[in-house]
Protein backbone atom coordinates (compact mmCIF):
# COMPACT_ATOMS: atom_id res chain seq x y z
CA UNK A 1 0.00 0.00 0.00
CA UNK A 2 1.40 3.40 -1.01
CA UNK A 3 1.95 5.89 1.79
CA UNK A 4 0.18 9.25 1.48
CA UNK A 5 2.30 12.23 2.39
CA UNK A 6 1.21 15.23 4.42
CA UNK A 7 1.46 18.62 2.76
CA UNK A 8 3.19 21.48 4.51
CA UNK A 9 1.11 24.56 5.30
CA UNK A 10 2.49 27.99 4.43
CA UNK A 11 2.18 29.47 7.93
CA UNK A 12 1.90 33.16 7.04
CA UNK A 13 -0.93 32.34 4.61
CA UNK A 14 -2.74 30.36 7.30
CA UNK A 15 -2.53 33.35 9.67
CA UNK A 16 -3.74 35.92 7.14
CA UNK A 17 -6.79 34.14 5.73
CA UNK A 18 -9.94 32.59 7.17
CA UNK A 19 -12.46 30.28 5.50
CA UNK A 20 -16.16 30.78 6.23
CA UNK A 21 -18.66 27.99 6.74
CA UNK A 22 -19.81 28.32 3.14
CA UNK A 23 -16.23 27.99 1.87
CA UNK A 24 -15.44 31.63 1.03
CA UNK A 25 -11.85 32.70 1.62
CA UNK A 26 -11.75 35.98 3.56
CA UNK A 27 -8.94 38.45 4.21
CA UNK A 28 -8.43 41.61 6.27
CA UNK A 29 -7.27 44.93 4.89
CA UNK A 30 -3.67 46.03 5.16
CA UNK A 31 -2.46 49.24 6.80
CA UNK A 32 -4.05 48.65 10.19
CA UNK A 33 -0.97 48.61 12.37
CA UNK A 34 0.47 52.15 12.50
CA UNK A 35 0.40 55.72 11.03
CA UNK A 36 -3.35 55.98 11.56
CA UNK A 37 -3.44 59.13 13.69
CA UNK A 38 -4.64 61.47 10.97
CA UNK A 39 -6.94 58.92 9.36
CA UNK A 40 -10.67 59.69 9.71
CA UNK A 41 -12.70 57.46 12.04
CA UNK A 42 -14.90 56.39 9.15
CA UNK A 43 -11.88 55.09 7.24
CA UNK A 44 -10.50 53.35 10.33
CA UNK A 45 -13.83 51.61 10.86
CA UNK A 46 -13.58 50.10 7.38
CA UNK A 47 -10.35 48.34 8.38
CA UNK A 48 -12.26 46.00 10.71
CA UNK A 49 -14.29 44.39 7.90
CA UNK A 50 -13.12 41.25 6.18
CA UNK A 51 -13.23 41.07 2.40
CA UNK A 52 -13.81 38.09 0.17
CA UNK A 53 -10.83 37.00 -1.90
CA UNK A 54 -11.30 36.61 -5.66
CA UNK A 55 -11.73 33.07 -7.04
CA UNK A 56 -8.28 32.96 -8.65
CA UNK A 57 -6.57 34.18 -5.46
CA UNK A 58 -8.65 31.80 -3.33
CA UNK A 59 -7.31 28.90 -5.38
CA UNK A 60 -3.75 30.08 -4.67
CA UNK A 61 -4.47 30.46 -0.95
CA UNK A 62 -5.89 26.94 -0.73
CA UNK A 63 -2.81 25.59 -2.52
CA UNK A 64 -0.54 27.25 0.06
CA UNK A 65 -2.70 26.27 3.05
CA UNK A 66 -4.46 23.02 2.09
CA UNK A 67 -5.79 22.23 5.59
CA UNK A 68 -7.20 25.72 6.22
CA UNK A 69 -10.75 24.69 5.38
CA UNK A 70 -10.62 21.44 7.31
CA UNK A 71 -9.15 22.35 10.70
CA UNK A 72 -9.99 25.99 11.37
CA UNK A 73 -13.30 25.30 13.12
CA UNK A 74 -12.39 21.85 14.47
CA UNK A 75 -8.64 21.53 15.18
CA UNK A 76 -7.16 18.04 15.60
CA UNK A 77 -6.29 16.86 19.14
PDB file of N, CA and C in Angstrom:
ATOM      1  N   UNK A   1       0.834  -1.182   0.000  1.00  0.00           N
ATOM      2  CA  UNK A   1       0.000   0.000   0.000  1.00  0.00           C
ATOM      3  C   UNK A   1       0.883   1.250   0.000  1.00  0.00           C
ATOM      4  N   UNK A   2       0.597   2.184  -0.893  1.00  0.00           N
ATOM      5  CA  UNK A   2       1.396   3.398  -1.006  1.00  0.00           C
ATOM      6  C   UNK A   2       1.081   4.356   0.139  1.00  0.00           C
ATOM      7  N   UNK A   3       2.125   4.949   0.687  1.00  0.00           N
ATOM      8  CA  UNK A   3       1.950   5.887   1.789  1.00  0.00           C
ATOM      9  C   UNK A   3       1.579   7.260   1.253  1.00  0.00           C
ATOM     10  N   UNK A   4       0.568   7.889   1.867  1.00  0.00           N
ATOM     11  CA  UNK A   4       0.184   9.249   1.475  1.00  0.00           C
ATOM     12  C   UNK A   4       0.985  10.232   2.318  1.00  0.00           C
ATOM     13  N   UNK A   5       1.482  11.263   1.692  1.00  0.00           N
ATOM     14  CA  UNK A   5       2.302  12.231   2.394  1.00  0.00           C
ATOM     15  C   UNK A   5       1.481  13.430   2.816  1.00  0.00           C
ATOM     16  N   UNK A   6       1.856  14.008   3.949  1.00  0.00           N
ATOM     17  CA  UNK A   6       1.210  15.226   4.418  1.00  0.00           C
ATOM     18  C   UNK A   6       1.806  16.405   3.672  1.00  0.00           C
ATOM     19  N   UNK A   7       0.988  17.407   3.415  1.00  0.00           N
ATOM     20  CA  UNK A   7       1.455  18.623   2.756  1.00  0.00           C
ATOM     21  C   UNK A   7       1.799  19.656   3.815  1.00  0.00           C
ATOM     22  N   UNK A   8       2.815  20.448   3.555  1.00  0.00           N
ATOM     23  CA  UNK A   8       3.193  21.482   4.506  1.00  0.00           C
ATOM     24  C   UNK A   8       2.356  22.733   4.269  1.00  0.00           C
ATOM     25  N   UNK A   9       1.906  23.336   5.351  1.00  0.00           N
ATOM     26  CA  UNK A   9       1.111  24.559   5.297  1.00  0.00           C
ATOM     27  C   UNK A   9       2.044  25.755   5.306  1.00  0.00           C
ATOM     28  N   UNK A  10       1.770  26.725   4.437  1.00  0.00           N
ATOM     29  CA  UNK A  10       2.491  27.990   4.430  1.00  0.00           C
ATOM     30  C   UNK A  10       1.931  28.804   5.588  1.00  0.00           C
ATOM     31  N   UNK A  11       2.700  28.956   6.671  1.00  0.00           N
ATOM     32  CA  UNK A  11       2.183  29.468   7.928  1.00  0.00           C
ATOM     33  C   UNK A  11       1.683  30.904   7.853  1.00  0.00           C
ATOM     34  N   UNK A  12       2.366  31.779   7.112  1.00  0.00           N
ATOM     35  CA  UNK A  12       1.905  33.164   7.038  1.00  0.00           C
ATOM     36  C   UNK A  12       0.581  33.262   6.291  1.00  0.00           C
ATOM     37  N   UNK A  13       0.353  32.382   5.322  1.00  0.00           N
ATOM     38  CA  UNK A  13      -0.927  32.343   4.614  1.00  0.00           C
ATOM     39  C   UNK A  13      -2.030  31.890   5.558  1.00  0.00           C
ATOM     40  N   UNK A  14      -1.754  30.882   6.366  1.00  0.00           N
ATOM     41  CA  UNK A  14      -2.744  30.364   7.301  1.00  0.00           C
ATOM     42  C   UNK A  14      -3.150  31.408   8.328  1.00  0.00           C
ATOM     43  N   UNK A  15      -2.236  32.307   8.694  1.00  0.00           N
ATOM     44  CA  UNK A  15      -2.533  33.349   9.672  1.00  0.00           C
ATOM     45  C   UNK A  15      -3.308  34.509   9.061  1.00  0.00           C
ATOM     46  N   UNK A  16      -3.131  34.752   7.776  1.00  0.00           N
ATOM     47  CA  UNK A  16      -3.742  35.920   7.140  1.00  0.00           C
ATOM     48  C   UNK A  16      -5.141  35.681   6.591  1.00  0.00           C
ATOM     49  N   UNK A  17      -5.512  34.438   6.354  1.00  0.00           N
ATOM     50  CA  UNK A  17      -6.794  34.145   5.726  1.00  0.00           C
ATOM     51  C   UNK A  17      -7.657  33.260   6.607  1.00  0.00           C
ATOM     52  N   UNK A  18      -8.973  33.428   6.464  1.00  0.00           N
ATOM     53  CA  UNK A  18      -9.942  32.587   7.168  1.00  0.00           C
ATOM     54  C   UNK A  18     -10.905  32.033   6.128  1.00  0.00           C
ATOM     55  N   UNK A  19     -11.463  30.858   6.400  1.00  0.00           N
ATOM     56  CA  UNK A  19     -12.460  30.281   5.503  1.00  0.00           C
ATOM     57  C   UNK A  19     -13.789  30.250   6.249  1.00  0.00           C
ATOM     58  N   UNK A  20     -14.846  30.756   5.606  1.00  0.00           N
ATOM     59  CA  UNK A  20     -16.165  30.780   6.226  1.00  0.00           C
ATOM     60  C   UNK A  20     -16.796  29.395   6.142  1.00  0.00           C
ATOM     61  N   UNK A  21     -17.950  29.254   6.770  1.00  0.00           N
ATOM     62  CA  UNK A  21     -18.655  27.985   6.740  1.00  0.00           C
ATOM     63  C   UNK A  21     -19.101  27.595   5.356  1.00  0.00           C
ATOM     64  N   UNK A  22     -19.378  28.595   4.511  1.00  0.00           N
ATOM     65  CA  UNK A  22     -19.811  28.318   3.142  1.00  0.00           C
ATOM     66  C   UNK A  22     -18.644  28.081   2.196  1.00  0.00           C
ATOM     67  N   UNK A  23     -17.399  28.268   2.694  1.00  0.00           N
ATOM     68  CA  UNK A  23     -16.226  27.987   1.873  1.00  0.00           C
ATOM     69  C   UNK A  23     -15.593  29.206   1.241  1.00  0.00           C
ATOM     70  N   UNK A  24     -16.062  30.412   1.570  1.00  0.00           N
ATOM     71  CA  UNK A  24     -15.444  31.626   1.026  1.00  0.00           C
ATOM     72  C   UNK A  24     -14.142  31.897   1.765  1.00  0.00           C
ATOM     73  N   UNK A  25     -13.129  32.338   1.020  1.00  0.00           N
ATOM     74  CA  UNK A  25     -11.848  32.704   1.625  1.00  0.00           C
ATOM     75  C   UNK A  25     -11.894  34.197   1.886  1.00  0.00           C
ATOM     76  N   UNK A  26     -11.659  34.588   3.152  1.00  0.00           N
ATOM     77  CA  UNK A  26     -11.754  35.984   3.556  1.00  0.00           C
ATOM     78  C   UNK A  26     -10.385  36.494   3.985  1.00  0.00           C
ATOM     79  N   UNK A  27     -10.188  37.808   3.800  1.00  0.00           N
ATOM     80  CA  UNK A  27      -8.939  38.450   4.211  1.00  0.00           C
ATOM     81  C   UNK A  27      -9.250  39.777   4.890  1.00  0.00           C
ATOM     82  N   UNK A  28      -8.281  40.283   5.665  1.00  0.00           N
ATOM     83  CA  UNK A  28      -8.428  41.607   6.265  1.00  0.00           C
ATOM     84  C   UNK A  28      -7.677  42.616   5.405  1.00  0.00           C
ATOM     85  N   UNK A  29      -7.949  43.880   5.637  1.00  0.00           N
ATOM     86  CA  UNK A  29      -7.273  44.927   4.886  1.00  0.00           C
ATOM     87  C   UNK A  29      -5.915  45.213   5.495  1.00  0.00           C
ATOM     88  N   UNK A  30      -4.981  45.657   4.667  1.00  0.00           N
ATOM     89  CA  UNK A  30      -3.666  46.034   5.156  1.00  0.00           C
ATOM     90  C   UNK A  30      -3.664  47.467   5.652  1.00  0.00           C
ATOM     91  N   UNK A  31      -2.590  47.876   6.330  1.00  0.00           N
ATOM     92  CA  UNK A  31      -2.462  49.245   6.801  1.00  0.00           C
ATOM     93  C   UNK A  31      -3.158  49.510   8.116  1.00  0.00           C
ATOM     94  N   UNK A  32      -3.348  48.482   8.927  1.00  0.00           N
ATOM     95  CA  UNK A  32      -4.054  48.651  10.189  1.00  0.00           C
ATOM     96  C   UNK A  32      -3.126  48.921  11.363  1.00  0.00           C
ATOM     97  N   UNK A  33      -1.852  48.656  11.205  1.00  0.00           N
ATOM     98  CA  UNK A  33      -0.969  48.609  12.368  1.00  0.00           C
ATOM     99  C   UNK A  33      -0.484  49.973  12.883  1.00  0.00           C
ATOM    100  N   UNK A  34      -0.061  50.877  12.009  1.00  0.00           N
ATOM    101  CA  UNK A  34       0.471  52.153  12.499  1.00  0.00           C
ATOM    102  C   UNK A  34       0.236  53.260  11.475  1.00  0.00           C
ATOM    103  N   UNK A  35       0.603  54.508  11.850  1.00  0.00           N
ATOM    104  CA  UNK A  35       0.404  55.717  11.032  1.00  0.00           C
ATOM    105  C   UNK A  35      -1.083  55.955  10.735  1.00  0.00           C
ATOM    106  N   UNK A  36      -1.913  55.797  11.760  1.00  0.00           N
ATOM    107  CA  UNK A  36      -3.354  55.984  11.560  1.00  0.00           C
ATOM    108  C   UNK A  36      -3.889  57.171  12.340  1.00  0.00           C
ATOM    109  N   UNK A  37      -2.996  58.036  12.843  1.00  0.00           N
ATOM    110  CA  UNK A  37      -3.437  59.129  13.689  1.00  0.00           C
ATOM    111  C   UNK A  37      -4.302  60.140  12.943  1.00  0.00           C
ATOM    112  N   UNK A  38      -3.907  60.477  11.740  1.00  0.00           N
ATOM    113  CA  UNK A  38      -4.641  61.471  10.969  1.00  0.00           C
ATOM    114  C   UNK A  38      -5.734  60.872  10.095  1.00  0.00           C
ATOM    115  N   UNK A  39      -5.920  59.587  10.171  1.00  0.00           N
ATOM    116  CA  UNK A  39      -6.940  58.916   9.363  1.00  0.00           C
ATOM    117  C   UNK A  39      -8.317  59.159   9.972  1.00  0.00           C
ATOM    118  N   UNK A  40      -9.324  59.487   9.166  1.00  0.00           N
ATOM    119  CA  UNK A  40     -10.672  59.692   9.714  1.00  0.00           C
ATOM    120  C   UNK A  40     -11.232  58.421  10.349  1.00  0.00           C
ATOM    121  N   UNK A  41     -12.114  58.609  11.327  1.00  0.00           N
ATOM    122  CA  UNK A  41     -12.702  57.464  12.037  1.00  0.00           C
ATOM    123  C   UNK A  41     -13.471  56.561  11.092  1.00  0.00           C
ATOM    124  N   UNK A  42     -14.117  57.167  10.116  1.00  0.00           N
ATOM    125  CA  UNK A  42     -14.901  56.388   9.148  1.00  0.00           C
ATOM    126  C   UNK A  42     -14.005  55.430   8.355  1.00  0.00           C
ATOM    127  N   UNK A  43     -12.839  55.920   7.975  1.00  0.00           N
ATOM    128  CA  UNK A  43     -11.884  55.087   7.236  1.00  0.00           C
ATOM    129  C   UNK A  43     -11.330  53.991   8.130  1.00  0.00           C
ATOM    130  N   UNK A  44     -11.035  54.327   9.393  1.00  0.00           N
ATOM    131  CA  UNK A  44     -10.499  53.347  10.327  1.00  0.00           C
ATOM    132  C   UNK A  44     -11.520  52.244  10.614  1.00  0.00           C
ATOM    133  N   UNK A  45     -12.790  52.595  10.619  1.00  0.00           N
ATOM    134  CA  UNK A  45     -13.834  51.608  10.865  1.00  0.00           C
ATOM    135  C   UNK A  45     -13.905  50.585   9.735  1.00  0.00           C
ATOM    136  N   UNK A  46     -13.553  51.009   8.530  1.00  0.00           N
ATOM    137  CA  UNK A  46     -13.578  50.098   7.379  1.00  0.00           C
ATOM    138  C   UNK A  46     -12.479  49.039   7.441  1.00  0.00           C
ATOM    139  N   UNK A  47     -11.433  49.299   8.244  1.00  0.00           N
ATOM    140  CA  UNK A  47     -10.345  48.340   8.378  1.00  0.00           C
ATOM    141  C   UNK A  47     -10.785  47.073   9.108  1.00  0.00           C
ATOM    142  N   UNK A  48     -11.853  47.158   9.915  1.00  0.00           N
ATOM    143  CA  UNK A  48     -12.264  46.001  10.710  1.00  0.00           C
ATOM    144  C   UNK A  48     -12.964  44.938   9.873  1.00  0.00           C
ATOM    145  N   UNK A  49     -13.561  45.337   8.750  1.00  0.00           N
ATOM    146  CA  UNK A  49     -14.295  44.387   7.904  1.00  0.00           C
ATOM    147  C   UNK A  49     -13.378  43.418   7.187  1.00  0.00           C
ATOM    148  N   UNK A  50     -13.868  42.234   6.973  1.00  0.00           N
ATOM    149  CA  UNK A  50     -13.124  41.253   6.183  1.00  0.00           C
ATOM    150  C   UNK A  50     -13.692  41.243   4.773  1.00  0.00           C
ATOM    151  N   UNK A  51     -12.828  41.073   3.798  1.00  0.00           N
ATOM    152  CA  UNK A  51     -13.227  41.075   2.396  1.00  0.00           C
ATOM    153  C   UNK A  51     -13.072  39.685   1.805  1.00  0.00           C
ATOM    154  N   UNK A  52     -13.920  39.379   0.854  1.00  0.00           N
ATOM    155  CA  UNK A  52     -13.814  38.090   0.171  1.00  0.00           C
ATOM    156  C   UNK A  52     -12.689  38.155  -0.856  1.00  0.00           C
ATOM    157  N   UNK A  53     -11.932  37.098  -0.944  1.00  0.00           N
ATOM    158  CA  UNK A  53     -10.827  37.000  -1.898  1.00  0.00           C
ATOM    159  C   UNK A  53     -11.402  36.530  -3.241  1.00  0.00           C
ATOM    160  N   UNK A  54     -10.828  37.018  -4.342  1.00  0.00           N
ATOM    161  CA  UNK A  54     -11.302  36.606  -5.659  1.00  0.00           C
ATOM    162  C   UNK A  54     -11.070  35.109  -5.861  1.00  0.00           C
ATOM    163  N   UNK A  55     -11.787  34.525  -6.809  1.00  0.00           N
ATOM    164  CA  UNK A  55     -11.729  33.069  -7.038  1.00  0.00           C
ATOM    165  C   UNK A  55     -10.320  32.601  -7.385  1.00  0.00           C
ATOM    166  N   UNK A  56      -9.624  33.378  -8.234  1.00  0.00           N
ATOM    167  CA  UNK A  56      -8.280  32.964  -8.646  1.00  0.00           C
ATOM    168  C   UNK A  56      -7.299  33.037  -7.475  1.00  0.00           C
ATOM    169  N   UNK A  57      -7.435  34.072  -6.625  1.00  0.00           N
ATOM    170  CA  UNK A  57      -6.568  34.182  -5.457  1.00  0.00           C
ATOM    171  C   UNK A  57      -6.927  33.140  -4.403  1.00  0.00           C
ATOM    172  N   UNK A  58      -8.208  32.804  -4.297  1.00  0.00           N
ATOM    173  CA  UNK A  58      -8.645  31.796  -3.327  1.00  0.00           C
ATOM    174  C   UNK A  58      -8.033  30.444  -3.662  1.00  0.00           C
ATOM    175  N   UNK A  59      -7.918  30.153  -4.941  1.00  0.00           N
ATOM    176  CA  UNK A  59      -7.305  28.904  -5.376  1.00  0.00           C
ATOM    177  C   UNK A  59      -5.841  28.851  -4.954  1.00  0.00           C
ATOM    178  N   UNK A  60      -5.156  29.971  -5.080  1.00  0.00           N
ATOM    179  CA  UNK A  60      -3.750  30.076  -4.674  1.00  0.00           C
ATOM    180  C   UNK A  60      -3.598  29.914  -3.166  1.00  0.00           C
ATOM    181  N   UNK A  61      -4.503  30.549  -2.418  1.00  0.00           N
ATOM    182  CA  UNK A  61      -4.467  30.455  -0.953  1.00  0.00           C
ATOM    183  C   UNK A  61      -4.671  29.017  -0.508  1.00  0.00           C
ATOM    184  N   UNK A  62      -5.610  28.325  -1.116  1.00  0.00           N
ATOM    185  CA  UNK A  62      -5.888  26.944  -0.726  1.00  0.00           C
ATOM    186  C   UNK A  62      -4.756  25.999  -1.128  1.00  0.00           C
ATOM    187  N   UNK A  63      -3.986  26.377  -2.147  1.00  0.00           N
ATOM    188  CA  UNK A  63      -2.805  25.590  -2.518  1.00  0.00           C
ATOM    189  C   UNK A  63      -1.724  25.745  -1.439  1.00  0.00           C
ATOM    190  N   UNK A  64      -1.560  26.987  -0.952  1.00  0.00           N
ATOM    191  CA  UNK A  64      -0.538  27.253   0.061  1.00  0.00           C
ATOM    192  C   UNK A  64      -0.922  26.713   1.439  1.00  0.00           C
ATOM    193  N   UNK A  65      -2.229  26.744   1.743  1.00  0.00           N
ATOM    194  CA  UNK A  65      -2.702  26.268   3.050  1.00  0.00           C
ATOM    195  C   UNK A  65      -3.809  25.243   2.833  1.00  0.00           C
ATOM    196  N   UNK A  66      -3.455  24.002   2.476  1.00  0.00           N
ATOM    197  CA  UNK A  66      -4.459  23.019   2.087  1.00  0.00           C
ATOM    198  C   UNK A  66      -5.395  22.582   3.204  1.00  0.00           C
ATOM    199  N   UNK A  67      -4.963  22.695   4.475  1.00  0.00           N
ATOM    200  CA  UNK A  67      -5.794  22.229   5.586  1.00  0.00           C
ATOM    201  C   UNK A  67      -6.561  23.366   6.247  1.00  0.00           C
ATOM    202  N   UNK A  68      -6.533  24.545   5.654  1.00  0.00           N
ATOM    203  CA  UNK A  68      -7.202  25.723   6.218  1.00  0.00           C
ATOM    204  C   UNK A  68      -8.699  25.486   6.365  1.00  0.00           C
ATOM    205  N   UNK A  69      -9.314  24.923   5.368  1.00  0.00           N
ATOM    206  CA  UNK A  69     -10.751  24.687   5.378  1.00  0.00           C
ATOM    207  C   UNK A  69     -11.119  23.605   6.395  1.00  0.00           C
ATOM    208  N   UNK A  70     -10.284  22.607   6.514  1.00  0.00           N
ATOM    209  CA  UNK A  70     -10.620  21.443   7.312  1.00  0.00           C
ATOM    210  C   UNK A  70     -10.511  21.668   8.814  1.00  0.00           C
ATOM    211  N   UNK A  71      -9.437  22.324   9.274  1.00  0.00           N
ATOM    212  CA  UNK A  71      -9.148  22.347  10.695  1.00  0.00           C
ATOM    213  C   UNK A  71      -9.413  23.663  11.409  1.00  0.00           C
ATOM    214  N   UNK A  72      -9.840  24.700  10.711  1.00  0.00           N
ATOM    215  CA  UNK A  72      -9.989  25.994  11.375  1.00  0.00           C
ATOM    216  C   UNK A  72     -11.055  25.931  12.461  1.00  0.00           C
ATOM    217  N   UNK A  73     -12.213  25.361  12.155  1.00  0.00           N
ATOM    218  CA  UNK A  73     -13.302  25.296  13.120  1.00  0.00           C
ATOM    219  C   UNK A  73     -13.124  24.139  14.094  1.00  0.00           C
ATOM    220  N   UNK A  74     -12.488  23.059  13.658  1.00  0.00           N
ATOM    221  CA  UNK A  74     -12.393  21.852  14.471  1.00  0.00           C
ATOM    222  C   UNK A  74     -10.957  21.322  14.449  1.00  0.00           C
ATOM    223  N   UNK A  75     -10.047  21.938  15.240  1.00  0.00           N
ATOM    224  CA  UNK A  75      -8.635  21.526  15.177  1.00  0.00           C
ATOM    225  C   UNK A  75      -8.424  20.102  15.690  1.00  0.00           C
ATOM    226  N   UNK A  76      -7.429  19.408  15.145  1.00  0.00           N
ATOM    227  CA  UNK A  76      -7.163  18.038  15.602  1.00  0.00           C
ATOM    228  C   UNK A  76      -6.597  18.044  17.015  1.00  0.00           C
ATOM    229  N   UNK A  77      -6.791  16.945  17.750  1.00  0.00           N
ATOM    230  CA  UNK A  77      -6.290  16.862  19.136  1.00  0.00           C
ATOM    231  C   UNK A  77      -4.931  16.207  19.174  1.00  0.00           C
TER     232      UNK A  77
END
